[in-house]
């Protein structure tokens, strides 16, 4: 049983007990020489990766690379093990079949009597299910269960990151608040399942109108929010918000009935009209309520008085604030 182990791995040549443990270990074990060429893999490695011993021996662990980790990741690995330290990390590896899996790897060097590294050992445990459970929990903690959009917590986190990036790059950033018109009326008239369907439809339609770098989040009962980074021109922001408004305004068929749908949108632009996350949200909300008061189904921008003048700063007090109409669509019956 242990003859294939005894023929490789100089430090293990006479340790029959250790060789037997390697062969019977439920964890995958791989042993390389000092240059990283594979000398031995155990049966658990063969089962986990799909590579037979004869296919793996003589090659390097690069056969498992998935392309997920960058060069710096592997440089850090080699720095640790060449310095005589162990290295533990969860890798995204690739089986022979091409299937990806998460492998918790513990890698350490083996020294001879002169203190020189003769081998490296990698013990691997498949933690794919554990990682998936964690990802599901993390997703649930940061996403709305009805629409699967980012929730308020994730929205605020992304807004903070987007503002930091905008300040560093000296770029604009827009926040838009969307409120579904007549949502309470829809719930009362058609029932809460219809209200849920409207929320899901508006979420889906809004998400289809923006870029991958943008964020659409559900931040309240019938309120969604957009983060639009790299928003340097108000006209471009207005075009995106108008696209969202128009998409949301399509009637929704529910239970053989047509439900009228529209949204009111308020927008605030950094750094022109607000200097931080709190101001952006409050002023976009202010503009949204102005859109509601104007009859809904329209886009309003918040604007500081005099913010269009040369050199105006958004951090100056807005007393009193102004909003202006960007667009209005006809309400559908």
Protein backbone atom coordinates (compact mmCIF):
# COMPACT_ATOMS: atom_id res chain seq x y z
CA UNK A 1 0.00 0.00 0.00
CA UNK A 2 2.70 2.46 0.97
CA UNK A 3 5.28 1.48 -1.66
CA UNK A 4 4.39 4.43 -3.92
CA UNK A 5 5.04 6.77 -1.02
CA UNK A 6 8.23 5.12 0.07
CA UNK A 7 9.72 5.62 -3.37
CA UNK A 8 9.42 9.40 -3.18
CA UNK A 9 9.78 12.09 -0.55
CA UNK A 10 13.20 11.55 1.02
CA UNK A 11 12.18 12.60 4.57
CA UNK A 12 9.38 10.05 4.57
CA UNK A 13 11.22 7.09 3.06
CA UNK A 14 11.42 5.05 6.22
CA UNK A 15 8.28 6.22 8.01
CA UNK A 16 5.77 3.48 7.23
CA UNK A 17 3.23 4.80 9.73
CA UNK A 18 3.31 8.26 8.18
CA UNK A 19 3.04 6.81 4.68
CA UNK A 20 0.02 4.78 5.74
CA UNK A 21 -1.58 7.91 7.19
CA UNK A 22 -1.04 9.76 3.92
CA UNK A 23 -2.70 7.01 1.93
CA UNK A 24 -5.71 6.83 4.25
CA UNK A 25 -6.15 10.52 5.08
CA UNK A 26 -9.61 11.91 4.26
CA UNK A 27 -7.89 15.19 3.29
CA UNK A 28 -6.09 15.57 -0.01
CA UNK A 29 -2.31 15.62 0.38
CA UNK A 30 0.23 16.67 -2.20
CA UNK A 31 4.02 16.57 -1.76
CA UNK A 32 6.47 18.35 -4.05
CA UNK A 33 10.23 18.51 -4.22
CA UNK A 34 12.07 21.70 -3.31
CA UNK A 35 11.38 23.16 -6.76
CA UNK A 36 7.64 22.60 -6.60
CA UNK A 37 7.41 19.50 -8.83
CA UNK A 38 4.85 16.99 -7.55
CA UNK A 39 6.35 13.76 -6.18
CA UNK A 40 3.28 12.31 -4.49
CA UNK A 41 -0.49 12.71 -4.20
CA UNK A 42 -2.76 10.55 -2.06
CA UNK A 43 -6.06 8.88 -3.03
CA UNK A 44 -8.08 11.72 -1.50
CA UNK A 45 -6.30 14.13 -3.86
CA UNK A 46 -7.24 11.95 -6.81
CA UNK A 47 -10.90 11.91 -5.70
CA UNK A 48 -11.00 15.65 -5.05
CA UNK A 49 -9.29 16.91 -8.18
CA UNK A 50 -9.97 14.20 -10.74
CA UNK A 51 -6.24 13.83 -11.47
CA UNK A 52 -4.86 10.33 -11.12
CA UNK A 53 -1.51 9.98 -9.38
CA UNK A 54 0.24 9.17 -12.64
CA UNK A 55 -1.19 12.36 -14.19
CA UNK A 56 -0.13 14.62 -11.33
CA UNK A 57 3.36 13.33 -10.48
CA UNK A 58 6.04 15.19 -12.42
CA UNK A 59 3.86 18.25 -12.90
CA UNK A 60 3.34 21.28 -10.63
CA UNK A 61 0.32 22.36 -8.56
CA UNK A 62 -0.36 24.91 -11.31
CA UNK A 63 -2.55 22.21 -12.88
CA UNK A 64 -5.16 23.29 -10.31
CA UNK A 65 -4.98 27.02 -10.99
CA UNK A 66 -8.33 28.62 -11.78
CA UNK A 67 -7.07 32.07 -12.75
CA UNK A 68 -8.92 33.60 -9.80
CA UNK A 69 -5.81 34.60 -7.82
CA UNK A 70 -3.35 37.18 -9.08
CA UNK A 71 0.44 36.97 -9.23
CA UNK A 72 0.85 38.80 -5.90
CA UNK A 73 -1.19 36.09 -4.16
CA UNK A 74 1.26 33.42 -5.31
CA UNK A 75 4.28 35.60 -4.55
CA UNK A 76 3.02 35.89 -0.98
CA UNK A 77 2.65 32.11 -0.80
CA UNK A 78 6.24 31.52 -1.95
CA UNK A 79 7.61 34.23 0.34
CA UNK A 80 6.07 32.45 3.32
CA UNK A 81 7.08 28.89 2.58
CA UNK A 82 10.60 29.76 1.38
CA UNK A 83 11.05 31.64 4.66
CA UNK A 84 10.23 28.41 6.47
CA UNK A 85 6.70 29.42 7.45
CA UNK A 86 3.40 27.69 6.77
CA UNK A 87 0.79 29.25 4.50
CA UNK A 88 -2.95 28.76 5.04
CA UNK A 89 -5.55 30.18 2.69
CA UNK A 90 -8.75 29.32 0.85
CA UNK A 91 -8.00 28.89 -2.84
CA UNK A 92 -10.40 28.80 -5.74
CA UNK A 93 -9.04 25.80 -7.64
CA UNK A 94 -10.09 23.94 -10.77
CA UNK A 95 -10.69 20.20 -11.04
CA UNK A 96 -9.56 18.25 -14.08
CA UNK A 97 -13.17 18.45 -15.33
CA UNK A 98 -12.98 22.25 -15.30
CA UNK A 99 -15.28 22.61 -12.30
CA UNK A 100 -14.23 25.22 -9.73
CA UNK A 101 -14.10 24.43 -6.03
CA UNK A 102 -12.96 26.13 -2.84
CA UNK A 103 -9.94 24.47 -1.24
CA UNK A 104 -8.63 25.32 2.21
CA UNK A 105 -4.92 24.67 1.77
CA UNK A 106 -2.27 24.39 4.47
CA UNK A 107 1.20 24.40 2.89
CA UNK A 108 4.45 23.99 4.77
CA UNK A 109 8.11 23.25 4.04
CA UNK A 110 10.00 20.13 5.14
CA UNK A 111 13.66 20.42 6.20
CA UNK A 112 16.48 17.90 6.21
CA UNK A 113 19.11 17.48 8.95
CA UNK A 114 21.15 20.37 7.56
CA UNK A 115 18.19 22.74 7.74
CA UNK A 116 17.62 22.83 3.99
CA UNK A 117 14.17 22.62 2.43
CA UNK A 118 13.73 19.30 0.66
CA UNK A 119 9.96 19.19 0.11
CA UNK A 120 6.72 21.10 0.40
CA UNK A 121 3.53 19.49 1.71
CA UNK A 122 0.03 20.74 0.91
CA UNK A 123 -2.92 19.43 2.87
CA UNK A 124 -6.26 20.31 1.27
CA UNK A 125 -9.83 20.24 2.48
CA UNK A 126 -12.81 20.92 0.22
CA UNK A 127 -14.73 23.83 1.81
CA UNK A 128 -16.97 24.63 -1.15
CA UNK A 129 -20.22 24.05 0.73
CA UNK A 130 -19.02 26.09 3.70
CA UNK A 131 -18.11 29.00 1.43
CA UNK A 132 -21.47 28.77 -0.35
CA UNK A 133 -23.34 28.85 2.96
CA UNK A 134 -21.34 31.89 4.05
CA UNK A 135 -21.97 33.65 0.73
CA UNK A 136 -25.70 32.96 1.01
CA UNK A 137 -25.78 34.39 4.53
CA UNK A 138 -23.77 37.43 3.46
CA UNK A 139 -26.06 37.97 0.48
CA UNK A 140 -29.16 37.70 2.67
CA UNK A 141 -27.71 40.20 5.14
CA UNK A 142 -27.09 42.77 2.41
CA UNK A 143 -29.98 42.28 0.00
CA UNK A 144 -33.71 42.83 0.09
CA UNK A 145 -35.51 39.47 0.10
CA UNK A 146 -38.37 40.65 -2.13
CA UNK A 147 -36.47 42.35 -4.95
CA UNK A 148 -32.98 40.89 -4.39
CA UNK A 149 -31.63 44.43 -4.68
CA UNK A 150 -28.98 45.73 -2.29
CA UNK A 151 -30.63 46.85 0.95
CA UNK A 152 -30.13 50.10 2.83
CA UNK A 153 -27.02 48.85 4.63
CA UNK A 154 -25.25 47.85 1.42
CA UNK A 155 -26.47 51.03 -0.30
CA UNK A 156 -24.86 53.21 2.38
CA UNK A 157 -21.64 51.21 2.21
CA UNK A 158 -21.45 51.55 -1.58
CA UNK A 159 -22.32 55.24 -1.40
CA UNK A 160 -19.43 55.83 1.00
CA UNK A 161 -17.05 53.97 -1.30
CA UNK A 162 -18.34 55.80 -4.38
CA UNK A 163 -17.91 59.19 -2.70
CA UNK A 164 -14.35 58.33 -1.65
CA UNK A 165 -13.53 57.33 -5.22
CA UNK A 166 -15.24 60.42 -6.68
CA UNK A 167 -13.27 62.73 -4.37
CA UNK A 168 -10.00 60.98 -5.21
CA UNK A 169 -10.65 61.14 -8.95
CA UNK A 170 -12.27 64.58 -8.80
CA UNK A 171 -15.37 63.23 -10.51
CA UNK A 172 -19.07 63.81 -10.10
CA UNK A 173 -21.53 61.44 -8.47
CA UNK A 174 -25.34 61.41 -8.47
CA UNK A 175 -27.82 59.91 -6.04
CA UNK A 176 -31.43 59.45 -7.11
CA UNK A 177 -34.33 58.52 -4.85
CA UNK A 178 -37.32 56.78 -6.50
CA UNK A 179 -40.73 56.59 -4.88
CA UNK A 180 -43.54 54.55 -6.42
CA UNK A 181 -46.57 56.74 -7.09
CA UNK A 182 -49.92 55.66 -5.58
CA UNK A 183 -48.33 52.62 -3.94
CA UNK A 184 -50.68 52.63 -0.95
CA UNK A 185 -53.62 52.90 -3.31
CA UNK A 186 -52.31 49.91 -5.27
CA UNK A 187 -52.02 47.86 -2.07
CA UNK A 188 -55.50 48.83 -0.92
CA UNK A 189 -57.14 48.23 -4.27
CA UNK A 190 -55.37 45.12 -5.52
CA UNK A 191 -53.87 43.63 -2.36
CA UNK A 192 -50.37 43.28 -0.96
CA UNK A 193 -49.36 40.61 -3.46
CA UNK A 194 -50.02 43.13 -6.21
CA UNK A 195 -47.96 45.70 -4.34
CA UNK A 196 -45.11 43.20 -4.12
CA UNK A 197 -45.39 42.55 -7.85
CA UNK A 198 -45.19 46.29 -8.54
CA UNK A 199 -42.08 46.61 -6.36
CA UNK A 200 -40.43 43.70 -8.12
CA UNK A 201 -41.30 45.10 -11.55
CA UNK A 202 -39.97 48.58 -10.76
CA UNK A 203 -36.80 47.06 -9.30
CA UNK A 204 -36.27 44.89 -12.36
CA UNK A 205 -37.02 47.70 -14.80
CA UNK A 206 -34.76 50.16 -12.99
CA UNK A 207 -31.85 47.72 -12.83
CA UNK A 208 -32.14 47.13 -16.59
CA UNK A 209 -31.54 50.84 -17.28
CA UNK A 210 -28.21 51.32 -15.55
CA UNK A 211 -24.59 50.25 -15.96
CA UNK A 212 -22.86 47.46 -14.08
CA UNK A 213 -20.94 50.10 -12.10
CA UNK A 214 -24.17 51.74 -10.91
CA UNK A 215 -26.21 50.62 -7.92
CA UNK A 216 -29.97 50.18 -7.62
CA UNK A 217 -31.06 49.52 -4.04
CA UNK A 218 -34.26 49.22 -2.05
CA UNK A 219 -33.86 51.55 0.92
CA UNK A 220 -37.43 51.62 2.26
CA UNK A 221 -40.95 50.32 1.79
CA UNK A 222 -41.66 51.73 -1.67
CA UNK A 223 -38.42 53.64 -2.16
CA UNK A 224 -35.49 52.69 -4.34
CA UNK A 225 -32.22 54.54 -4.70
CA UNK A 226 -29.62 54.85 -7.45
CA UNK A 227 -25.91 55.56 -7.14
CA UNK A 228 -24.52 56.85 -10.44
CA UNK A 229 -20.71 57.25 -10.25
CA UNK A 230 -18.68 59.23 -12.81
CA UNK A 231 -21.66 61.55 -13.24
CA UNK A 232 -19.90 64.67 -14.47
CA UNK A 233 -22.75 66.11 -16.52
CA UNK A 234 -26.25 66.77 -15.21
CA UNK A 235 -27.65 66.10 -18.68
CA UNK A 236 -26.23 62.58 -18.66
CA UNK A 237 -27.67 61.90 -15.20
CA UNK A 238 -31.01 63.26 -16.35
CA UNK A 239 -30.98 60.94 -19.37
CA UNK A 240 -30.42 57.88 -17.16
CA UNK A 241 -33.14 58.92 -14.71
CA UNK A 242 -35.55 59.64 -17.55
CA UNK A 243 -34.83 56.16 -18.93
CA UNK A 244 -35.63 54.69 -15.51
CA UNK A 245 -38.81 56.77 -15.22
CA UNK A 246 -40.02 55.72 -18.66
CA UNK A 247 -39.24 52.05 -18.06
CA UNK A 248 -41.05 52.07 -14.72
CA UNK A 249 -44.13 53.72 -16.23
CA UNK A 250 -45.20 50.69 -18.27
CA UNK A 251 -48.48 49.20 -16.94
CA UNK A 252 -48.17 45.91 -15.08
CA UNK A 253 -50.49 42.99 -15.69
CA UNK A 254 -51.38 41.24 -12.43
CA UNK A 255 -54.06 38.63 -11.95
CA UNK A 256 -55.70 39.50 -15.28
CA UNK A 257 -55.80 43.21 -14.38
CA UNK A 258 -53.65 46.11 -15.48
CA UNK A 259 -52.03 48.18 -12.74
CA UNK A 260 -50.90 51.71 -13.49
CA UNK A 261 -47.27 52.20 -12.48
CA UNK A 262 -45.10 55.31 -12.28
CA UNK A 263 -42.33 56.73 -10.10
CA UNK A 264 -41.27 60.11 -8.80
CA UNK A 265 -37.52 60.64 -8.90
CA UNK A 266 -35.41 63.15 -7.02
CA UNK A 267 -31.74 63.65 -7.86
CA UNK A 268 -28.79 65.35 -6.17
CA UNK A 269 -25.32 65.68 -7.69
CA UNK A 270 -21.96 65.67 -5.88
CA UNK A 271 -20.02 67.95 -5.50
CA UNK A 272 -22.21 70.54 -7.18
CA UNK A 273 -25.16 70.41 -4.82
CA UNK A 274 -24.02 68.30 -1.85
CA UNK A 275 -20.73 67.56 -0.17
CA UNK A 276 -21.30 64.29 1.68
CA UNK A 277 -23.47 61.17 1.81
CA UNK A 278 -26.01 62.60 4.26
CA UNK A 279 -26.53 65.76 2.21
CA UNK A 280 -26.83 63.75 -1.00
CA UNK A 281 -29.54 61.50 0.41
CA UNK A 282 -31.49 64.27 2.13
CA UNK A 283 -31.41 66.59 -0.86
CA UNK A 284 -32.29 63.85 -3.35
CA UNK A 285 -35.19 62.99 -1.03
CA UNK A 286 -36.20 66.66 -0.96
CA UNK A 287 -36.26 66.72 -4.76
CA UNK A 288 -38.25 63.49 -4.85
CA UNK A 289 -40.98 64.98 -2.64
CA UNK A 290 -41.07 68.01 -4.92
CA UNK A 291 -41.67 65.62 -7.82
CA UNK A 292 -44.48 63.96 -5.84
CA UNK A 293 -46.09 67.33 -5.14
CA UNK A 294 -45.88 68.15 -8.83
CA UNK A 295 -48.07 65.16 -9.66
CA UNK A 296 -45.53 62.35 -9.88
CA UNK A 297 -44.13 60.47 -12.85
CA UNK A 298 -41.33 63.01 -13.24
CA UNK A 299 -37.69 63.67 -12.44
CA UNK A 300 -36.62 66.60 -10.27
CA UNK A 301 -33.07 67.75 -9.50
CA UNK A 302 -32.05 69.41 -6.27
CA UNK A 303 -30.09 72.59 -6.87
CA UNK A 304 -28.51 75.03 -4.47
CA UNK A 305 -29.50 78.61 -5.09
CA UNK A 306 -26.75 80.06 -7.24
CA UNK A 307 -25.02 76.70 -7.76
CA UNK A 308 -24.82 77.33 -11.49
CA UNK A 309 -22.56 80.34 -10.97
CA UNK A 310 -18.83 80.03 -11.55
CA UNK A 311 -16.93 78.69 -8.58
CA UNK A 312 -20.05 77.87 -6.55
CA UNK A 313 -19.47 75.19 -3.89
CA UNK A 314 -21.99 72.57 -2.83
CA UNK A 315 -20.92 72.88 0.78
CA UNK A 316 -22.27 76.41 0.96
CA UNK A 317 -25.63 76.68 2.77
CA UNK A 318 -28.65 76.22 0.55
CA UNK A 319 -31.05 78.87 1.84
CA UNK A 320 -33.63 78.20 0.61
CA UNK A 321 -32.98 75.17 -1.61
CA UNK A 322 -34.40 74.92 -5.10
CA UNK A 323 -35.52 72.07 -7.26
CA UNK A 324 -36.16 72.08 -10.96
CA UNK A 325 -38.04 69.78 -13.27
CA UNK A 326 -35.98 67.51 -15.47
CA UNK A 327 -38.74 65.59 -17.25
CA UNK A 328 -42.32 64.52 -16.98
CA UNK A 329 -44.16 61.71 -18.64
CA UNK A 330 -47.85 61.32 -19.16
CA UNK A 331 -49.58 59.20 -16.52
CA UNK A 332 -51.09 56.11 -18.01
CA UNK A 333 -54.60 55.07 -17.20
